[in-house]
Amino acid sequence: MALGARTTDVLETVLARTMTWAFGGVVAGVIGALFLAKSLGGLLFDIAPTIPACW
């Protein structure tokens, strides 16, 4: 940040970068979970990997 930057400019920049990383993490996590569920599906007997553990 440049000296003399307004508080709103600093806050906007920090939030934009944080939300970018957070969104990227959510997307990577969902893709990883789907891939892992698909790959572990062959190891499960008579049950789908997407069924919740407790109802």
PDB file of N, CA and C in Angstrom:
ATOM      1  N   MET A   1       0.831  -1.175   0.000  1.00  0.00           N
ATOM      2  CA  MET A   1       0.000   0.000   0.000  1.00  0.00           C
ATOM      3  C   MET A   1       0.878   1.241   0.000  1.00  0.00           C
ATOM      4  N   ALA A   2       0.410   2.224  -0.653  1.00  0.00           N
ATOM      5  CA  ALA A   2       1.122   3.491  -0.686  1.00  0.00           C
ATOM      6  C   ALA A   2       0.835   4.278   0.593  1.00  0.00           C
ATOM      7  N   LEU A   3       1.783   5.077   0.977  1.00  0.00           N
ATOM      8  CA  LEU A   3       1.560   5.945   2.128  1.00  0.00           C
ATOM      9  C   LEU A   3       0.457   6.930   1.790  1.00  0.00           C
ATOM     10  N   GLY A   4      -0.404   7.158   2.738  1.00  0.00           N
ATOM     11  CA  GLY A   4      -1.499   8.095   2.522  1.00  0.00           C
ATOM     12  C   GLY A   4      -2.734   7.456   1.929  1.00  0.00           C
ATOM     13  N   ALA A   5      -2.759   6.131   1.842  1.00  0.00           N
ATOM     14  CA  ALA A   5      -3.942   5.459   1.303  1.00  0.00           C
ATOM     15  C   ALA A   5      -5.101   5.589   2.283  1.00  0.00           C
ATOM     16  N   ARG A   6      -6.278   5.683   1.729  1.00  0.00           N
ATOM     17  CA  ARG A   6      -7.457   5.796   2.582  1.00  0.00           C
ATOM     18  C   ARG A   6      -7.765   4.438   3.219  1.00  0.00           C
ATOM     19  N   THR A   7      -8.402   4.479   4.367  1.00  0.00           N
ATOM     20  CA  THR A   7      -8.743   3.258   5.091  1.00  0.00           C
ATOM     21  C   THR A   7      -9.641   2.360   4.251  1.00  0.00           C
ATOM     22  N   THR A   8     -10.575   2.950   3.536  1.00  0.00           N
ATOM     23  CA  THR A   8     -11.480   2.146   2.710  1.00  0.00           C
ATOM     24  C   THR A   8     -10.735   1.440   1.579  1.00  0.00           C
ATOM     25  N   ASP A   9      -9.708   2.099   1.027  1.00  0.00           N
ATOM     26  CA  ASP A   9      -8.921   1.465  -0.033  1.00  0.00           C
ATOM     27  C   ASP A   9      -8.148   0.261   0.506  1.00  0.00           C
ATOM     28  N   VAL A  10      -7.565   0.419   1.685  1.00  0.00           N
ATOM     29  CA  VAL A  10      -6.810  -0.679   2.299  1.00  0.00           C
ATOM     30  C   VAL A  10      -7.761  -1.824   2.632  1.00  0.00           C
ATOM     31  N   LEU A  11      -8.892  -1.518   3.235  1.00  0.00           N
ATOM     32  CA  LEU A  11      -9.864  -2.540   3.606  1.00  0.00           C
ATOM     33  C   LEU A  11     -10.395  -3.266   2.373  1.00  0.00           C
ATOM     34  N   GLU A  12     -10.672  -2.533   1.328  1.00  0.00           N
ATOM     35  CA  GLU A  12     -11.179  -3.127   0.097  1.00  0.00           C
ATOM     36  C   GLU A  12     -10.156  -4.069  -0.523  1.00  0.00           C
ATOM     37  N   THR A  13      -8.896  -3.681  -0.530  1.00  0.00           N
ATOM     38  CA  THR A  13      -7.847  -4.516  -1.088  1.00  0.00           C
ATOM     39  C   THR A  13      -7.657  -5.791  -0.271  1.00  0.00           C
ATOM     40  N   VAL A  14      -7.628  -5.656   1.041  1.00  0.00           N
ATOM     41  CA  VAL A  14      -7.443  -6.821   1.909  1.00  0.00           C
ATOM     42  C   VAL A  14      -8.620  -7.785   1.774  1.00  0.00           C
ATOM     43  N   LEU A  15      -9.841  -7.271   1.782  1.00  0.00           N
ATOM     44  CA  LEU A  15     -11.011  -8.130   1.655  1.00  0.00           C
ATOM     45  C   LEU A  15     -11.076  -8.810   0.291  1.00  0.00           C
ATOM     46  N   ALA A  16     -10.717  -8.095  -0.750  1.00  0.00           N
ATOM     47  CA  ALA A  16     -10.737  -8.682  -2.092  1.00  0.00           C
ATOM     48  C   ALA A  16      -9.741  -9.833  -2.194  1.00  0.00           C
ATOM     49  N   ARG A  17      -8.537  -9.641  -1.676  1.00  0.00           N
ATOM     50  CA  ARG A  17      -7.538 -10.713  -1.721  1.00  0.00           C
ATOM     51  C   ARG A  17      -7.946 -11.883  -0.845  1.00  0.00           C
ATOM     52  N   THR A  18      -8.503 -11.602   0.326  1.00  0.00           N
ATOM     53  CA  THR A  18      -8.924 -12.662   1.235  1.00  0.00           C
ATOM     54  C   THR A  18     -10.060 -13.472   0.639  1.00  0.00           C
ATOM     55  N   MET A  19     -11.029 -12.795   0.065  1.00  0.00           N
ATOM     56  CA  MET A  19     -12.165 -13.506  -0.521  1.00  0.00           C
ATOM     57  C   MET A  19     -11.737 -14.326  -1.741  1.00  0.00           C
ATOM     58  N   THR A  20     -10.751 -13.850  -2.482  1.00  0.00           N
ATOM     59  CA  THR A  20     -10.246 -14.617  -3.616  1.00  0.00           C
ATOM     60  C   THR A  20      -9.645 -15.927  -3.135  1.00  0.00           C
ATOM     61  N   TRP A  21      -8.807 -15.867  -2.104  1.00  0.00           N
ATOM     62  CA  TRP A  21      -8.198 -17.087  -1.554  1.00  0.00           C
ATOM     63  C   TRP A  21      -9.257 -17.998  -0.932  1.00  0.00           C
ATOM     64  N   ALA A  22     -10.228 -17.422  -0.236  1.00  0.00           N
ATOM     65  CA  ALA A  22     -11.280 -18.224   0.394  1.00  0.00           C
ATOM     66  C   ALA A  22     -12.132 -18.933  -0.664  1.00  0.00           C
ATOM     67  N   PHE A  23     -12.488 -18.226  -1.706  1.00  0.00           N
ATOM     68  CA  PHE A  23     -13.279 -18.829  -2.780  1.00  0.00           C
ATOM     69  C   PHE A  23     -12.488 -19.930  -3.471  1.00  0.00           C
ATOM     70  N   GLY A  24     -11.216 -19.678  -3.714  1.00  0.00           N
ATOM     71  CA  GLY A  24     -10.363 -20.701  -4.325  1.00  0.00           C
ATOM     72  C   GLY A  24     -10.256 -21.935  -3.448  1.00  0.00           C
ATOM     73  N   GLY A  25     -10.164 -21.740  -2.140  1.00  0.00           N
ATOM     74  CA  GLY A  25     -10.099 -22.863  -1.217  1.00  0.00           C
ATOM     75  C   GLY A  25     -11.383 -23.674  -1.193  1.00  0.00           C
ATOM     76  N   VAL A  26     -12.514 -22.996  -1.251  1.00  0.00           N
ATOM     77  CA  VAL A  26     -13.800 -23.694  -1.280  1.00  0.00           C
ATOM     78  C   VAL A  26     -13.926 -24.510  -2.563  1.00  0.00           C
ATOM     79  N   VAL A  27     -13.569 -23.922  -3.680  1.00  0.00           N
ATOM     80  CA  VAL A  27     -13.650 -24.628  -4.962  1.00  0.00           C
ATOM     81  C   VAL A  27     -12.718 -25.842  -4.956  1.00  0.00           C
ATOM     82  N   ALA A  28     -11.487 -25.659  -4.493  1.00  0.00           N
ATOM     83  CA  ALA A  28     -10.537 -26.775  -4.433  1.00  0.00           C
ATOM     84  C   ALA A  28     -11.029 -27.862  -3.480  1.00  0.00           C
ATOM     85  N   GLY A  29     -11.629 -27.475  -2.368  1.00  0.00           N
ATOM     86  CA  GLY A  29     -12.141 -28.448  -1.416  1.00  0.00           C
ATOM     87  C   GLY A  29     -13.303 -29.254  -1.967  1.00  0.00           C
ATOM     88  N   VAL A  30     -14.200 -28.603  -2.664  1.00  0.00           N
ATOM     89  CA  VAL A  30     -15.344 -29.314  -3.255  1.00  0.00           C
ATOM     90  C   VAL A  30     -14.875 -30.267  -4.342  1.00  0.00           C
ATOM     91  N   ILE A  31     -13.970 -29.807  -5.183  1.00  0.00           N
ATOM     92  CA  ILE A  31     -13.442 -30.681  -6.236  1.00  0.00           C
ATOM     93  C   ILE A  31     -12.699 -31.864  -5.624  1.00  0.00           C
ATOM     94  N   GLY A  32     -11.894 -31.605  -4.602  1.00  0.00           N
ATOM     95  CA  GLY A  32     -11.169 -32.685  -3.930  1.00  0.00           C
ATOM     96  C   GLY A  32     -12.112 -33.672  -3.268  1.00  0.00           C
ATOM     97  N   ALA A  33     -13.163 -33.179  -2.628  1.00  0.00           N
ATOM     98  CA  ALA A  33     -14.123 -34.061  -1.968  1.00  0.00           C
ATOM     99  C   ALA A  33     -14.869 -34.925  -2.983  1.00  0.00           C
ATOM    100  N   LEU A  34     -15.255 -34.350  -4.101  1.00  0.00           N
ATOM    101  CA  LEU A  34     -15.939 -35.129  -5.128  1.00  0.00           C
ATOM    102  C   LEU A  34     -15.018 -36.192  -5.712  1.00  0.00           C
ATOM    103  N   PHE A  35     -13.767 -35.825  -5.960  1.00  0.00           N
ATOM    104  CA  PHE A  35     -12.805 -36.784  -6.495  1.00  0.00           C
ATOM    105  C   PHE A  35     -12.545 -37.904  -5.496  1.00  0.00           C
ATOM    106  N   LEU A  36     -12.384 -37.553  -4.234  1.00  0.00           N
ATOM    107  CA  LEU A  36     -12.125 -38.547  -3.204  1.00  0.00           C
ATOM    108  C   LEU A  36     -13.324 -39.468  -3.012  1.00  0.00           C
ATOM    109  N   ALA A  37     -14.525 -38.932  -3.028  1.00  0.00           N
ATOM    110  CA  ALA A  37     -15.727 -39.754  -2.894  1.00  0.00           C
ATOM    111  C   ALA A  37     -15.850 -40.715  -4.072  1.00  0.00           C
ATOM    112  N   LYS A  38     -15.521 -40.230  -5.250  1.00  0.00           N
ATOM    113  CA  LYS A  38     -15.599 -41.075  -6.438  1.00  0.00           C
ATOM    114  C   LYS A  38     -14.551 -42.186  -6.391  1.00  0.00           C
ATOM    115  N   SER A  39     -13.342 -41.845  -5.963  1.00  0.00           N
ATOM    116  CA  SER A  39     -12.280 -42.848  -5.938  1.00  0.00           C
ATOM    117  C   SER A  39     -12.447 -43.842  -4.793  1.00  0.00           C
ATOM    118  N   LEU A  40     -13.029 -43.430  -3.676  1.00  0.00           N
ATOM    119  CA  LEU A  40     -13.245 -44.341  -2.561  1.00  0.00           C
ATOM    120  C   LEU A  40     -14.516 -45.168  -2.735  1.00  0.00           C
ATOM    121  N   GLY A  41     -15.340 -44.805  -3.694  1.00  0.00           N
ATOM    122  CA  GLY A  41     -16.579 -45.540  -3.927  1.00  0.00           C
ATOM    123  C   GLY A  41     -16.336 -47.001  -4.251  1.00  0.00           C
ATOM    124  N   GLY A  42     -15.232 -47.315  -4.892  1.00  0.00           N
ATOM    125  CA  GLY A  42     -14.915 -48.700  -5.220  1.00  0.00           C
ATOM    126  C   GLY A  42     -14.511 -49.520  -4.013  1.00  0.00           C
ATOM    127  N   LEU A  43     -14.093 -48.882  -2.949  1.00  0.00           N
ATOM    128  CA  LEU A  43     -13.674 -49.597  -1.745  1.00  0.00           C
ATOM    129  C   LEU A  43     -14.838 -49.905  -0.808  1.00  0.00           C
ATOM    130  N   LEU A  44     -15.966 -49.248  -1.017  1.00  0.00           N
ATOM    131  CA  LEU A  44     -17.113 -49.448  -0.151  1.00  0.00           C
ATOM    132  C   LEU A  44     -17.988 -50.584  -0.676  1.00  0.00           C
ATOM    133  N   PHE A  45     -18.504 -51.390   0.225  1.00  0.00           N
ATOM    134  CA  PHE A  45     -19.345 -52.508  -0.167  1.00  0.00           C
ATOM    135  C   PHE A  45     -20.802 -52.209   0.159  1.00  0.00           C
ATOM    136  N   ASP A  46     -21.632 -52.198  -0.851  1.00  0.00           N
ATOM    137  CA  ASP A  46     -23.085 -52.055  -0.722  1.00  0.00           C
ATOM    138  C   ASP A  46     -23.499 -50.736  -0.047  1.00  0.00           C
ATOM    139  N   ILE A  47     -22.745 -49.676  -0.264  1.00  0.00           N
ATOM    140  CA  ILE A  47     -23.107 -48.366   0.262  1.00  0.00           C
ATOM    141  C   ILE A  47     -22.491 -47.296  -0.650  1.00  0.00           C
ATOM    142  N   ALA A  48     -23.174 -46.203  -0.807  1.00  0.00           N
ATOM    143  CA  ALA A  48     -22.670 -45.116  -1.641  1.00  0.00           C
ATOM    144  C   ALA A  48     -21.860 -44.148  -0.769  1.00  0.00           C
ATOM    145  N   PRO A  49     -20.806 -43.550  -1.314  1.00  0.00           N
ATOM    146  CA  PRO A  49     -19.989 -42.632  -0.514  1.00  0.00           C
ATOM    147  C   PRO A  49     -20.683 -41.312  -0.207  1.00  0.00           C
ATOM    148  N   THR A  50     -21.802 -41.038  -0.849  1.00  0.00           N
ATOM    149  CA  THR A  50     -22.482 -39.758  -0.626  1.00  0.00           C
ATOM    150  C   THR A  50     -23.600 -39.845   0.403  1.00  0.00           C
ATOM    151  N   ILE A  51     -23.830 -41.031   0.979  1.00  0.00           N
ATOM    152  CA  ILE A  51     -24.850 -41.170   2.014  1.00  0.00           C
ATOM    153  C   ILE A  51     -24.303 -40.600   3.317  1.00  0.00           C
ATOM    154  N   PRO A  52     -25.051 -39.701   3.980  1.00  0.00           N
ATOM    155  CA  PRO A  52     -24.555 -39.141   5.243  1.00  0.00           C
ATOM    156  C   PRO A  52     -24.411 -40.220   6.317  1.00  0.00           C
ATOM    157  N   ALA A  53     -23.455 -40.035   7.203  1.00  0.00           N
ATOM    158  CA  ALA A  53     -23.163 -41.037   8.233  1.00  0.00           C
ATOM    159  C   ALA A  53     -24.305 -41.157   9.230  1.00  0.00           C
ATOM    160  N   CYS A  54     -24.916 -40.048   9.599  1.00  0.00           N
ATOM    161  CA  CYS A  54     -26.031 -40.112  10.544  1.00  0.00           C
ATOM    162  C   CYS A  54     -27.176 -39.262  10.027  1.00  0.00           C
ATOM    163  N   TRP A  55     -28.353 -39.728  10.237  1.00  0.00           N
ATOM    164  CA  TRP A  55     -29.533 -39.018   9.765  1.00  0.00           C
ATOM    165  C   TRP A  55     -30.083 -38.274  10.883  1.00  0.00           C
TER     166      TRP A  55
END
